[in-house]
Amino acid sequence: MPRPSPGRPPDAALDAAILQATLALLAETGYERLSVEAVARRAGTAKTSVYRRWPTKEALVLAALRAYLDRPASAGSRRAGGSLRADLL
């Protein structure tokens, strides 16, 4: 029987909120001005919650972009014929 890991179970809704906040701020401020503190504020969580999941800003942005690119394209989605850069802008 597997032993439960200590601590809280992963929160998929919080992960999604953090990644969404990252994409929004990336579009608004650009990579250089993006901060983990601002992402945490926008997502409504503590910056330690962000760092617990992604140890660096680079890892966070990469995860957000991967999540964006991996999401299914819905009918009429701009992503189907657009570009990531245009969507972020």
C-alpha atoms as a PDB file:
ATOM      1  CA  MET A   1       0.000   0.000   0.000  1.00  0.00           C
ATOM      2  CA  PRO A   2       1.531   3.374  -1.022  1.00  0.00           C
ATOM      3  CA  ARG A   3       2.199   5.789   1.794  1.00  0.00           C
ATOM      4  CA  PRO A   4       0.639   9.230   1.472  1.00  0.00           C
ATOM      5  CA  SER A   5       3.150  11.994   1.009  1.00  0.00           C
ATOM      6  CA  PRO A   6       3.383  14.617   3.735  1.00  0.00           C
ATOM      7  CA  GLY A   7       1.783  17.996   3.197  1.00  0.00           C
ATOM      8  CA  ARG A   8      -1.134  19.135   1.139  1.00  0.00           C
ATOM      9  CA  PRO A   9      -2.147  17.346  -2.042  1.00  0.00           C
ATOM     10  CA  PRO A  10      -1.429  19.215  -5.300  1.00  0.00           C
ATOM     11  CA  ASP A  11      -4.007  21.858  -6.191  1.00  0.00           C
ATOM     12  CA  ALA A  12      -4.648  21.825  -9.939  1.00  0.00           C
ATOM     13  CA  ALA A  13      -6.806  24.962  -9.732  1.00  0.00           C
ATOM     14  CA  LEU A  14      -3.973  26.915  -8.096  1.00  0.00           C
ATOM     15  CA  ASP A  15      -1.479  25.606 -10.655  1.00  0.00           C
ATOM     16  CA  ALA A  16      -3.786  26.794 -13.449  1.00  0.00           C
ATOM     17  CA  ALA A  17      -4.267  30.210 -11.816  1.00  0.00           C
ATOM     18  CA  ILE A  18      -0.501  30.670 -11.477  1.00  0.00           C
ATOM     19  CA  LEU A  19       0.160  29.664 -15.096  1.00  0.00           C
ATOM     20  CA  GLN A  20      -2.643  31.917 -16.356  1.00  0.00           C
ATOM     21  CA  ALA A  21      -1.304  34.837 -14.316  1.00  0.00           C
ATOM     22  CA  THR A  22       2.162  34.172 -15.728  1.00  0.00           C
ATOM     23  CA  LEU A  23       0.923  34.328 -19.319  1.00  0.00           C
ATOM     24  CA  ALA A  24      -1.081  37.500 -18.677  1.00  0.00           C
ATOM     25  CA  LEU A  25       1.846  39.274 -17.040  1.00  0.00           C
ATOM     26  CA  LEU A  26       4.252  38.040 -19.695  1.00  0.00           C
ATOM     27  CA  ALA A  27       2.028  39.666 -22.317  1.00  0.00           C
ATOM     28  CA  GLU A  28       1.707  42.880 -20.294  1.00  0.00           C
ATOM     29  CA  THR A  29       5.283  43.363 -19.092  1.00  0.00           C
ATOM     30  CA  GLY A  30       7.546  41.111 -21.125  1.00  0.00           C
ATOM     31  CA  TYR A  31       9.959  38.531 -19.772  1.00  0.00           C
ATOM     32  CA  GLU A  32      12.529  40.894 -18.293  1.00  0.00           C
ATOM     33  CA  ARG A  33      10.012  42.794 -16.145  1.00  0.00           C
ATOM     34  CA  LEU A  34       7.994  39.721 -15.134  1.00  0.00           C
ATOM     35  CA  SER A  35       8.460  38.825 -11.463  1.00  0.00           C
ATOM     36  CA  VAL A  36       7.394  35.821  -9.433  1.00  0.00           C
ATOM     37  CA  GLU A  37       6.055  38.224  -6.811  1.00  0.00           C
ATOM     38  CA  ALA A  38       3.728  39.836  -9.368  1.00  0.00           C
ATOM     39  CA  VAL A  39       2.594  36.430 -10.611  1.00  0.00           C
ATOM     40  CA  ALA A  40       1.768  35.356  -7.055  1.00  0.00           C
ATOM     41  CA  ARG A  41      -0.192  38.564  -6.426  1.00  0.00           C
ATOM     42  CA  ARG A  42      -2.169  38.140  -9.655  1.00  0.00           C
ATOM     43  CA  ALA A  43      -2.877  34.469  -8.869  1.00  0.00           C
ATOM     44  CA  GLY A  44      -3.942  35.297  -5.305  1.00  0.00           C
ATOM     45  CA  THR A  45      -1.314  33.204  -3.577  1.00  0.00           C
ATOM     46  CA  ALA A  46       2.015  33.520  -1.794  1.00  0.00           C
ATOM     47  CA  LYS A  47       5.234  33.593  -3.778  1.00  0.00           C
ATOM     48  CA  THR A  48       6.398  30.543  -1.793  1.00  0.00           C
ATOM     49  CA  SER A  49       3.534  28.606  -3.398  1.00  0.00           C
ATOM     50  CA  VAL A  50       4.904  29.541  -6.817  1.00  0.00           C
ATOM     51  CA  TYR A  51       8.520  28.712  -5.920  1.00  0.00           C
ATOM     52  CA  ARG A  52       7.429  25.361  -4.441  1.00  0.00           C
ATOM     53  CA  ARG A  53       6.130  24.380  -7.880  1.00  0.00           C
ATOM     54  CA  TRP A  54       8.656  26.151 -10.127  1.00  0.00           C
ATOM     55  CA  PRO A  55      12.023  27.016  -8.561  1.00  0.00           C
ATOM     56  CA  THR A  56      12.939  29.760 -11.053  1.00  0.00           C
ATOM     57  CA  LYS A  57      11.254  32.379 -13.197  1.00  0.00           C
ATOM     58  CA  GLU A  58      12.552  30.558 -16.249  1.00  0.00           C
ATOM     59  CA  ALA A  59      10.908  27.276 -15.169  1.00  0.00           C
ATOM     60  CA  LEU A  60       7.641  29.094 -14.452  1.00  0.00           C
ATOM     61  CA  VAL A  61       7.497  30.811 -17.846  1.00  0.00           C
ATOM     62  CA  LEU A  62       8.416  27.614 -19.646  1.00  0.00           C
ATOM     63  CA  ALA A  63       5.651  25.714 -17.812  1.00  0.00           C
ATOM     64  CA  ALA A  64       3.121  28.441 -18.653  1.00  0.00           C
ATOM     65  CA  LEU A  65       4.058  28.383 -22.329  1.00  0.00           C
ATOM     66  CA  ARG A  66       3.930  24.578 -22.426  1.00  0.00           C
ATOM     67  CA  ALA A  67       0.497  24.578 -20.788  1.00  0.00           C
ATOM     68  CA  TYR A  68      -0.679  27.161 -23.316  1.00  0.00           C
ATOM     69  CA  LEU A  69       0.630  25.185 -26.274  1.00  0.00           C
ATOM     70  CA  ASP A  70      -0.659  21.849 -24.944  1.00  0.00           C
ATOM     71  CA  ARG A  71      -4.228  23.003 -24.428  1.00  0.00           C
ATOM     72  CA  PRO A  72      -6.689  21.714 -26.997  1.00  0.00           C
ATOM     73  CA  ALA A  73      -7.601  24.188 -29.704  1.00  0.00           C
ATOM     74  CA  SER A  74     -11.346  24.793 -29.607  1.00  0.00           C
ATOM     75  CA  ALA A  75     -13.455  25.568 -32.644  1.00  0.00           C
ATOM     76  CA  GLY A  76     -12.931  29.158 -33.649  1.00  0.00           C
ATOM     77  CA  SER A  77      -9.830  29.469 -31.507  1.00  0.00           C
ATOM     78  CA  ARG A  78      -7.356  32.133 -32.557  1.00  0.00           C
ATOM     79  CA  ARG A  79      -4.633  29.633 -31.770  1.00  0.00           C
ATOM     80  CA  ALA A  80      -5.668  27.413 -34.654  1.00  0.00           C
ATOM     81  CA  GLY A  81      -4.300  29.861 -37.201  1.00  0.00           C
ATOM     82  CA  GLY A  82      -2.621  32.518 -35.079  1.00  0.00           C
ATOM     83  CA  SER A  83       0.663  32.712 -33.301  1.00  0.00           C
ATOM     84  CA  LEU A  84       1.737  32.564 -29.659  1.00  0.00           C
ATOM     85  CA  ARG A  85       3.246  36.032 -29.926  1.00  0.00           C
ATOM     86  CA  ALA A  86       0.001  37.500 -31.275  1.00  0.00           C
ATOM     87  CA  ASP A  87      -2.031  35.760 -28.569  1.00  0.00           C
ATOM     88  CA  LEU A  88       0.270  37.068 -25.835  1.00  0.00           C
ATOM     89  CA  LEU A  89       0.141  40.585 -27.220  1.00  0.00           C
END
